[in-house]
Amino acid sequence: MLARCDDIDVTWFQAGRGDLLILVHGLADDHRAWRRALPDLMLRHRVLMYDLRGHGETTLGKAEGTLAQLGSDLVALMDALVVERAAVAGFSLGGTIAMRAAIDHPERIDALVLVATSSRVGRAAADWYRQRVEMVERDDPQLRATLDGDTADVYRESPAELEEGLLIRRQSTADPHGYGNACAAMAALNASPLDTELHRITAPTLIVASDLDRHCPPKAAEIIAAGITGSRLEVMTGAGHPIPVEKPCELAASINAFLG
């Protein structure tokens, strides 16, 4: 389904019954990043998933390359669907978007679940994001191979999932400008991390990390937990970065228990 949200048409999907839970996917993915965890989540919640600005089947619009805009997109979707408040779970990039939305619009977030995400990026990571922004802007012929290599790196701990991961990411970034826009937003976390604003998050918060995640390691989760008063941190074992794919049942069980 489509919803007009300011300058973009947002593609969104809904399944299940119960209290509303909005799922936000990660960089270069689309709503299907949550495909493994969805069955258990939809048994207890009305789950709403959507494709981020310029990802999947959502249009790019007047992209600003900022987390503030991506967070506002989430709230604009809630407005379009006449949703006053909701629980929000974000994976990776989706977690930073969820944090930004919870900081800027605390009255709209009932509860927050942050999965394999970070409130800051180091200099090397910022350079990594900027390099990909530049590749998108100059239409670099090596961009597709680079994106495929990045996907293989993400699924290093779960090679059996790589084929589906590549399918989703190739489709979601068929027009790579949304990917470049999100990379620009993430690169900005080096100079302007969310750390100093985390205390403004008032929603009950669950933070989920995994021990083998090299992209957003448990240390990143600990930083977030230290900044959000009363938050709860869980570290799963035996998983890499894509926790919703590698530990879907465990993640869904944690989310369901947390949301009660």
C-alpha atoms as a PDB file:
ATOM      1  CA  MET A   1       0.000   0.000   0.000  1.00  0.00           C
ATOM      2  CA  LEU A   2       1.047   3.598  -0.590  1.00  0.00           C
ATOM      3  CA  ALA A   3       0.803   6.632   1.681  1.00  0.00           C
ATOM      4  CA  ARG A   4       1.645  10.177   0.638  1.00  0.00           C
ATOM      5  CA  CYS A   5       3.994  11.581   3.287  1.00  0.00           C
ATOM      6  CA  ASP A   6       5.113  15.132   2.571  1.00  0.00           C
ATOM      7  CA  ASP A   7       7.307  14.842  -0.544  1.00  0.00           C
ATOM      8  CA  ILE A   8       7.395  11.040  -0.907  1.00  0.00           C
ATOM      9  CA  ASP A   9       5.116   8.083  -1.559  1.00  0.00           C
ATOM     10  CA  VAL A  10       5.825   5.523   1.161  1.00  0.00           C
ATOM     11  CA  THR A  11       5.230   1.829   0.514  1.00  0.00           C
ATOM     12  CA  TRP A  12       3.982   0.104   3.652  1.00  0.00           C
ATOM     13  CA  PHE A  13       2.676  -3.290   4.723  1.00  0.00           C
ATOM     14  CA  GLN A  14       0.675  -4.571   7.666  1.00  0.00           C
ATOM     15  CA  ALA A  15       0.133  -7.985   9.265  1.00  0.00           C
ATOM     16  CA  GLY A  16      -1.228  -9.403  12.486  1.00  0.00           C
ATOM     17  CA  ARG A  17      -3.465  -8.121  15.271  1.00  0.00           C
ATOM     18  CA  GLY A  18      -2.931  -6.346  18.563  1.00  0.00           C
ATOM     19  CA  ASP A  19      -1.104  -3.230  19.635  1.00  0.00           C
ATOM     20  CA  LEU A  20       0.790  -1.517  16.847  1.00  0.00           C
ATOM     21  CA  LEU A  21       4.499  -2.222  16.333  1.00  0.00           C
ATOM     22  CA  ILE A  22       6.350  -0.362  13.573  1.00  0.00           C
ATOM     23  CA  LEU A  23       9.472  -2.053  12.165  1.00  0.00           C
ATOM     24  CA  VAL A  24      12.225   0.034  10.550  1.00  0.00           C
ATOM     25  CA  HIS A  25      14.764  -1.727   8.328  1.00  0.00           C
ATOM     26  CA  GLY A  26      18.468  -1.105   7.781  1.00  0.00           C
ATOM     27  CA  LEU A  27      20.706   0.398   5.117  1.00  0.00           C
ATOM     28  CA  ALA A  28      20.222  -0.925   1.556  1.00  0.00           C
ATOM     29  CA  ASP A  29      17.436  -3.267   2.730  1.00  0.00           C
ATOM     30  CA  ASP A  30      13.679  -2.914   2.570  1.00  0.00           C
ATOM     31  CA  HIS A  31      10.859  -4.086   4.843  1.00  0.00           C
ATOM     32  CA  ARG A  32      11.840  -7.711   4.143  1.00  0.00           C
ATOM     33  CA  ALA A  33      14.840  -7.364   6.453  1.00  0.00           C
ATOM     34  CA  TRP A  34      12.322  -8.450   9.142  1.00  0.00           C
ATOM     35  CA  ARG A  35      11.063 -11.470   7.159  1.00  0.00           C
ATOM     36  CA  ARG A  36      12.269 -14.125   9.597  1.00  0.00           C
ATOM     37  CA  ALA A  37      11.032 -12.435  12.779  1.00  0.00           C
ATOM     38  CA  LEU A  38       7.641 -11.376  11.390  1.00  0.00           C
ATOM     39  CA  PRO A  39       5.666 -14.608  12.015  1.00  0.00           C
ATOM     40  CA  ASP A  40       6.282 -14.528  15.770  1.00  0.00           C
ATOM     41  CA  LEU A  41       5.798 -10.767  16.016  1.00  0.00           C
ATOM     42  CA  MET A  42       2.503 -10.696  14.126  1.00  0.00           C
ATOM     43  CA  LEU A  43       0.961 -13.237  16.489  1.00  0.00           C
ATOM     44  CA  ARG A  44       0.993 -10.649  19.257  1.00  0.00           C
ATOM     45  CA  HIS A  45       1.075  -7.325  17.420  1.00  0.00           C
ATOM     46  CA  ARG A  46      -0.341  -5.442  14.500  1.00  0.00           C
ATOM     47  CA  VAL A  47       2.962  -5.086  12.683  1.00  0.00           C
ATOM     48  CA  LEU A  48       3.537  -2.231  10.279  1.00  0.00           C
ATOM     49  CA  MET A  49       6.593  -2.290   8.004  1.00  0.00           C
ATOM     50  CA  TYR A  50       7.636   0.273   5.430  1.00  0.00           C
ATOM     51  CA  ASP A  51      10.409   0.999   2.945  1.00  0.00           C
ATOM     52  CA  LEU A  52      12.624   3.945   3.857  1.00  0.00           C
ATOM     53  CA  ARG A  53      12.983   7.018   1.663  1.00  0.00           C
ATOM     54  CA  GLY A  54      14.554   5.966  -1.634  1.00  0.00           C
ATOM     55  CA  HIS A  55      14.672   2.284  -0.627  1.00  0.00           C
ATOM     56  CA  GLY A  56      12.558  -0.504  -2.084  1.00  0.00           C
ATOM     57  CA  GLU A  57       9.374   0.925  -3.544  1.00  0.00           C
ATOM     58  CA  THR A  58       9.341   4.223  -1.620  1.00  0.00           C
ATOM     59  CA  THR A  59      10.211   7.299  -3.679  1.00  0.00           C
ATOM     60  CA  LEU A  60      13.262   9.467  -2.975  1.00  0.00           C
ATOM     61  CA  GLY A  61      11.661  12.916  -2.983  1.00  0.00           C
ATOM     62  CA  LYS A  62      13.763  15.916  -1.961  1.00  0.00           C
ATOM     63  CA  ALA A  63      16.343  13.977   0.007  1.00  0.00           C
ATOM     64  CA  GLU A  64      18.412  15.957   2.510  1.00  0.00           C
ATOM     65  CA  GLY A  65      20.857  13.273   3.665  1.00  0.00           C
ATOM     66  CA  THR A  66      19.899  13.696   7.327  1.00  0.00           C
ATOM     67  CA  LEU A  67      18.637  11.476  10.112  1.00  0.00           C
ATOM     68  CA  ALA A  68      16.247  14.251  11.077  1.00  0.00           C
ATOM     69  CA  GLN A  69      14.447  13.893   7.750  1.00  0.00           C
ATOM     70  CA  LEU A  70      14.398  10.095   7.943  1.00  0.00           C
ATOM     71  CA  GLY A  71      12.980  10.307  11.460  1.00  0.00           C
ATOM     72  CA  SER A  72      10.382  12.818  10.307  1.00  0.00           C
ATOM     73  CA  ASP A  73       9.427  10.423   7.493  1.00  0.00           C
ATOM     74  CA  LEU A  74       8.459   7.859  10.140  1.00  0.00           C
ATOM     75  CA  VAL A  75       6.277  10.384  11.970  1.00  0.00           C
ATOM     76  CA  ALA A  76       4.763  11.574   8.668  1.00  0.00           C
ATOM     77  CA  LEU A  77       3.759   7.982   7.908  1.00  0.00           C
ATOM     78  CA  MET A  78       2.134   7.727  11.328  1.00  0.00           C
ATOM     79  CA  ASP A  79       0.258  10.950  10.578  1.00  0.00           C
ATOM     80  CA  ALA A  80      -0.885   9.681   7.184  1.00  0.00           C
ATOM     81  CA  LEU A  81      -2.194   6.462   8.760  1.00  0.00           C
ATOM     82  CA  VAL A  82      -3.768   8.355  11.687  1.00  0.00           C
ATOM     83  CA  VAL A  83      -1.528   6.674  14.262  1.00  0.00           C
ATOM     84  CA  GLU A  84      -1.078   8.815  17.344  1.00  0.00           C
ATOM     85  CA  ARG A  85       1.468   6.630  19.173  1.00  0.00           C
ATOM     86  CA  ALA A  86       3.216   3.324  18.553  1.00  0.00           C
ATOM     87  CA  ALA A  87       6.024   1.059  19.642  1.00  0.00           C
ATOM     88  CA  VAL A  88       8.931   1.231  17.190  1.00  0.00           C
ATOM     89  CA  ALA A  89      11.684  -1.320  16.550  1.00  0.00           C
ATOM     90  CA  GLY A  90      14.633  -0.350  14.367  1.00  0.00           C
ATOM     91  CA  PHE A  91      17.430  -2.507  12.984  1.00  0.00           C
ATOM     92  CA  SER A  92      20.873  -0.982  12.250  1.00  0.00           C
ATOM     93  CA  LEU A  93      20.178   2.257  10.303  1.00  0.00           C
ATOM     94  CA  GLY A  94      16.576   1.769  11.374  1.00  0.00           C
ATOM     95  CA  GLY A  95      17.698   1.960  14.987  1.00  0.00           C
ATOM     96  CA  THR A  96      19.345   5.335  14.482  1.00  0.00           C
ATOM     97  CA  ILE A  97      16.189   6.551  12.747  1.00  0.00           C
ATOM     98  CA  ALA A  98      14.081   5.275  15.640  1.00  0.00           C
ATOM     99  CA  MET A  99      16.336   7.063  18.142  1.00  0.00           C
ATOM    100  CA  ARG A 100      16.140  10.290  16.149  1.00  0.00           C
ATOM    101  CA  ALA A 101      12.351  10.060  16.038  1.00  0.00           C
ATOM    102  CA  ALA A 102      12.170   9.329  19.770  1.00  0.00           C
ATOM    103  CA  ILE A 103      14.370  12.357  20.501  1.00  0.00           C
ATOM    104  CA  ASP A 104      12.503  14.745  18.200  1.00  0.00           C
ATOM    105  CA  HIS A 105       8.969  13.387  18.734  1.00  0.00           C
ATOM    106  CA  PRO A 106       8.854  11.741  22.181  1.00  0.00           C
ATOM    107  CA  GLU A 107       5.086  12.080  22.377  1.00  0.00           C
ATOM    108  CA  ARG A 108       4.688   9.667  19.432  1.00  0.00           C
ATOM    109  CA  ILE A 109       6.795   6.739  20.696  1.00  0.00           C
ATOM    110  CA  ASP A 110       5.266   4.330  23.243  1.00  0.00           C
ATOM    111  CA  ALA A 111       8.284   2.018  23.405  1.00  0.00           C
ATOM    112  CA  LEU A 112      11.582   1.632  21.588  1.00  0.00           C
ATOM    113  CA  VAL A 113      13.518  -1.460  20.502  1.00  0.00           C
ATOM    114  CA  LEU A 114      17.011  -0.838  19.110  1.00  0.00           C
ATOM    115  CA  VAL A 115      18.576  -3.810  17.306  1.00  0.00           C
ATOM    116  CA  ALA A 116      22.235  -3.973  16.220  1.00  0.00           C
ATOM    117  CA  THR A 117      22.571  -0.206  15.999  1.00  0.00           C
ATOM    118  CA  SER A 118      24.786   2.665  17.098  1.00  0.00           C
ATOM    119  CA  SER A 119      24.450   6.263  18.218  1.00  0.00           C
ATOM    120  CA  ARG A 120      27.780   7.307  16.682  1.00  0.00           C
ATOM    121  CA  VAL A 121      30.242   6.364  13.942  1.00  0.00           C
ATOM    122  CA  GLY A 122      34.029   6.555  14.068  1.00  0.00           C
ATOM    123  CA  ARG A 123      36.218   8.282  11.514  1.00  0.00           C
ATOM    124  CA  ALA A 124      36.880   5.119   9.518  1.00  0.00           C
ATOM    125  CA  ALA A 125      33.180   4.282   9.335  1.00  0.00           C
ATOM    126  CA  ALA A 126      32.336   7.855   8.334  1.00  0.00           C
ATOM    127  CA  ASP A 127      34.886   7.635   5.520  1.00  0.00           C
ATOM    128  CA  TRP A 128      33.303   4.331   4.442  1.00  0.00           C
ATOM    129  CA  TYR A 129      29.887   5.998   4.194  1.00  0.00           C
ATOM    130  CA  ARG A 130      31.274   9.041   2.379  1.00  0.00           C
ATOM    131  CA  GLN A 131      33.029   6.852  -0.173  1.00  0.00           C
ATOM    132  CA  ARG A 132      29.731   5.218  -1.027  1.00  0.00           C
ATOM    133  CA  VAL A 133      27.961   8.560  -1.251  1.00  0.00           C
ATOM    134  CA  GLU A 134      30.606   9.661  -3.748  1.00  0.00           C
ATOM    135  CA  MET A 135      30.229   6.427  -5.744  1.00  0.00           C
ATOM    136  CA  VAL A 136      26.478   7.028  -6.023  1.00  0.00           C
ATOM    137  CA  GLU A 137      26.926  10.670  -7.007  1.00  0.00           C
ATOM    138  CA  ARG A 138      29.386   9.913  -9.799  1.00  0.00           C
ATOM    139  CA  ASP A 139      27.494   6.809 -10.967  1.00  0.00           C
ATOM    140  CA  ASP A 140      30.584   4.701 -10.387  1.00  0.00           C
ATOM    141  CA  PRO A 141      30.507   1.493 -12.473  1.00  0.00           C
ATOM    142  CA  GLN A 142      31.934  -0.408  -9.490  1.00  0.00           C
ATOM    143  CA  LEU A 143      29.052   0.552  -7.196  1.00  0.00           C
ATOM    144  CA  ARG A 144      27.036  -2.614  -7.759  1.00  0.00           C
ATOM    145  CA  ALA A 145      30.011  -4.869  -7.097  1.00  0.00           C
ATOM    146  CA  THR A 146      30.817  -2.816  -4.000  1.00  0.00           C
ATOM    147  CA  LEU A 147      27.264  -3.162  -2.686  1.00  0.00           C
ATOM    148  CA  ASP A 148      27.344  -6.912  -3.304  1.00  0.00           C
ATOM    149  CA  GLY A 149      30.646  -7.150  -1.439  1.00  0.00           C
ATOM    150  CA  ASP A 150      29.191  -5.161   1.456  1.00  0.00           C
ATOM    151  CA  THR A 151      26.220  -7.518   1.560  1.00  0.00           C
ATOM    152  CA  ALA A 152      28.493 -10.556   1.670  1.00  0.00           C
ATOM    153  CA  ASP A 153      30.344  -8.933   4.566  1.00  0.00           C
ATOM    154  CA  VAL A 154      27.077  -8.367   6.467  1.00  0.00           C
ATOM    155  CA  TYR A 155      26.109 -12.033   6.045  1.00  0.00           C
ATOM    156  CA  ARG A 156      29.558 -13.394   6.855  1.00  0.00           C
ATOM    157  CA  GLU A 157      28.241 -15.287   9.896  1.00  0.00           C
ATOM    158  CA  SER A 158      25.244 -16.674   7.979  1.00  0.00           C
ATOM    159  CA  PRO A 159      26.330 -17.486   4.396  1.00  0.00           C
ATOM    160  CA  ALA A 160      23.192 -19.537   3.784  1.00  0.00           C
ATOM    161  CA  GLU A 161      21.226 -16.275   3.973  1.00  0.00           C
ATOM    162  CA  LEU A 162      23.409 -14.459   1.442  1.00  0.00           C
ATOM    163  CA  GLU A 163      21.384 -15.350  -1.657  1.00  0.00           C
ATOM    164  CA  GLU A 164      18.197 -13.846  -0.253  1.00  0.00           C
ATOM    165  CA  GLY A 165      20.116 -10.924   1.214  1.00  0.00           C
ATOM    166  CA  LEU A 166      21.576 -10.107  -2.191  1.00  0.00           C
ATOM    167  CA  LEU A 167      18.158 -10.397  -3.847  1.00  0.00           C
ATOM    168  CA  ILE A 168      16.571  -7.945  -1.412  1.00  0.00           C
ATOM    169  CA  ARG A 169      19.442  -5.482  -1.476  1.00  0.00           C
ATOM    170  CA  ARG A 170      19.782  -5.479  -5.260  1.00  0.00           C
ATOM    171  CA  GLN A 171      16.071  -4.780  -5.619  1.00  0.00           C
ATOM    172  CA  SER A 172      15.993  -2.165  -2.857  1.00  0.00           C
ATOM    173  CA  THR A 173      18.951  -0.243  -4.315  1.00  0.00           C
ATOM    174  CA  ALA A 174      18.031  -0.600  -8.000  1.00  0.00           C
ATOM    175  CA  ASP A 175      18.077   3.190  -7.876  1.00  0.00           C
ATOM    176  CA  PRO A 176      20.973   3.726  -5.456  1.00  0.00           C
ATOM    177  CA  HIS A 177      20.230   7.363  -4.599  1.00  0.00           C
ATOM    178  CA  GLY A 178      18.183   6.448  -1.532  1.00  0.00           C
ATOM    179  CA  TYR A 179      21.094   4.343  -0.347  1.00  0.00           C
ATOM    180  CA  GLY A 180      23.461   7.269  -0.912  1.00  0.00           C
ATOM    181  CA  ASN A 181      21.101   9.579   0.971  1.00  0.00           C
ATOM    182  CA  ALA A 182      21.089   7.247   3.979  1.00  0.00           C
ATOM    183  CA  CYS A 183      24.875   6.868   3.836  1.00  0.00           C
ATOM    184  CA  ALA A 184      25.199  10.658   4.032  1.00  0.00           C
ATOM    185  CA  ALA A 185      22.948  10.698   7.086  1.00  0.00           C
ATOM    186  CA  MET A 186      25.046   8.030   8.796  1.00  0.00           C
ATOM    187  CA  ALA A 187      28.346   9.736   7.954  1.00  0.00           C
ATOM    188  CA  ALA A 188      27.114  12.829   9.795  1.00  0.00           C
ATOM    189  CA  LEU A 189      27.024  10.828  13.044  1.00  0.00           C
ATOM    190  CA  ASN A 190      30.790  11.192  13.234  1.00  0.00           C
ATOM    191  CA  ALA A 191      30.678  14.946  13.755  1.00  0.00           C
ATOM    192  CA  SER A 192      27.255  14.978  15.435  1.00  0.00           C
ATOM    193  CA  PRO A 193      26.632  11.739  17.363  1.00  0.00           C
ATOM    194  CA  LEU A 194      23.326  11.142  19.082  1.00  0.00           C
ATOM    195  CA  ASP A 195      25.084  10.446  22.393  1.00  0.00           C
ATOM    196  CA  THR A 196      24.495  13.875  23.916  1.00  0.00           C
ATOM    197  CA  GLU A 197      20.766  13.708  23.101  1.00  0.00           C
ATOM    198  CA  LEU A 198      19.983  10.184  24.265  1.00  0.00           C
ATOM    199  CA  HIS A 199      18.839  11.433  27.665  1.00  0.00           C
ATOM    200  CA  ARG A 200      15.883  13.031  25.880  1.00  0.00           C
ATOM    201  CA  ILE A 201      14.481   9.590  25.037  1.00  0.00           C
ATOM    202  CA  THR A 202      11.718   8.931  27.552  1.00  0.00           C
ATOM    203  CA  ALA A 203      10.119   5.817  26.054  1.00  0.00           C
ATOM    204  CA  PRO A 204      10.877   2.435  27.655  1.00  0.00           C
ATOM    205  CA  THR A 205      13.782   1.084  25.616  1.00  0.00           C
ATOM    206  CA  LEU A 206      15.154  -2.377  24.851  1.00  0.00           C
ATOM    207  CA  ILE A 207      18.598  -2.556  23.221  1.00  0.00           C
ATOM    208  CA  VAL A 208      19.625  -5.804  21.518  1.00  0.00           C
ATOM    209  CA  ALA A 209      23.185  -6.540  20.407  1.00  0.00           C
ATOM    210  CA  SER A 210      25.057  -9.677  19.340  1.00  0.00           C
ATOM    211  CA  ASP A 211      28.479 -10.899  20.321  1.00  0.00           C
ATOM    212  CA  LEU A 212      29.801 -11.487  16.771  1.00  0.00           C
ATOM    213  CA  ASP A 213      28.572  -8.206  15.283  1.00  0.00           C
ATOM    214  CA  ARG A 214      31.573  -6.326  13.842  1.00  0.00           C
ATOM    215  CA  HIS A 215      29.469  -3.452  12.488  1.00  0.00           C
ATOM    216  CA  CYS A 216      27.598  -2.490  15.677  1.00  0.00           C
ATOM    217  CA  PRO A 217      29.346  -4.451  18.443  1.00  0.00           C
ATOM    218  CA  PRO A 218      28.070  -4.758  22.020  1.00  0.00           C
ATOM    219  CA  LYS A 219      30.172  -1.727  22.981  1.00  0.00           C
ATOM    220  CA  ALA A 220      27.953   0.438  20.759  1.00  0.00           C
ATOM    221  CA  ALA A 221      24.898  -0.935  22.551  1.00  0.00           C
ATOM    222  CA  GLU A 222      26.485  -0.226  25.925  1.00  0.00           C
ATOM    223  CA  ILE A 223      26.993   3.423  24.940  1.00  0.00           C
ATOM    224  CA  ILE A 224      23.315   3.716  24.032  1.00  0.00           C
ATOM    225  CA  ALA A 225      22.235   1.962  27.219  1.00  0.00           C
ATOM    226  CA  ALA A 226      24.327   4.364  29.296  1.00  0.00           C
ATOM    227  CA  GLY A 227      22.611   7.316  27.636  1.00  0.00           C
ATOM    228  CA  ILE A 228      18.963   6.204  27.911  1.00  0.00           C
ATOM    229  CA  THR A 229      17.748   6.168  31.495  1.00  0.00           C
ATOM    230  CA  GLY A 230      16.156   2.883  32.524  1.00  0.00           C
ATOM    231  CA  SER A 231      16.925   1.094  29.261  1.00  0.00           C
ATOM    232  CA  ARG A 232      17.495  -2.652  29.132  1.00  0.00           C
ATOM    233  CA  LEU A 233      20.398  -4.277  27.241  1.00  0.00           C
ATOM    234  CA  GLU A 234      20.431  -7.855  25.930  1.00  0.00           C
ATOM    235  CA  VAL A 235      23.412  -9.418  24.139  1.00  0.00           C
ATOM    236  CA  MET A 236      22.685 -12.488  22.012  1.00  0.00           C
ATOM    237  CA  THR A 237      25.374 -15.055  21.358  1.00  0.00           C
ATOM    238  CA  GLY A 238      26.357 -16.694  18.087  1.00  0.00           C
ATOM    239  CA  ALA A 239      25.015 -14.006  15.759  1.00  0.00           C
ATOM    240  CA  GLY A 240      26.564 -11.379  13.529  1.00  0.00           C
ATOM    241  CA  HIS A 241      25.019  -8.086  12.447  1.00  0.00           C
ATOM    242  CA  PRO A 242      21.674  -9.124  10.887  1.00  0.00           C
ATOM    243  CA  ILE A 243      20.048 -10.306  14.124  1.00  0.00           C
ATOM    244  CA  PRO A 244      16.493 -10.285  12.647  1.00  0.00           C
ATOM    245  CA  VAL A 245      17.658 -12.943  10.174  1.00  0.00           C
ATOM    246  CA  GLU A 246      20.169 -14.896  12.261  1.00  0.00           C
ATOM    247  CA  LYS A 247      18.247 -14.970  15.566  1.00  0.00           C
ATOM    248  CA  PRO A 248      14.657 -14.223  14.508  1.00  0.00           C
ATOM    249  CA  CYS A 249      12.812 -16.349  17.060  1.00  0.00           C
ATOM    250  CA  GLU A 250      14.995 -15.171  19.937  1.00  0.00           C
ATOM    251  CA  LEU A 251      14.660 -11.547  18.852  1.00  0.00           C
ATOM    252  CA  ALA A 252      10.883 -11.792  18.468  1.00  0.00           C
ATOM    253  CA  ALA A 253      10.624 -13.446  21.884  1.00  0.00           C
ATOM    254  CA  SER A 254      12.641 -10.621  23.461  1.00  0.00           C
ATOM    255  CA  ILE A 255      10.534  -7.955  21.752  1.00  0.00           C
ATOM    256  CA  ASN A 256       7.257  -9.647  22.674  1.00  0.00           C
ATOM    257  CA  ALA A 257       8.322 -10.066  26.296  1.00  0.00           C
ATOM    258  CA  PHE A 258       9.529  -6.477  26.512  1.00  0.00           C
ATOM    259  CA  LEU A 259       6.324  -5.054  25.052  1.00  0.00           C
ATOM    260  CA  GLY A 260       4.288  -7.276  27.343  1.00  0.00           C
END
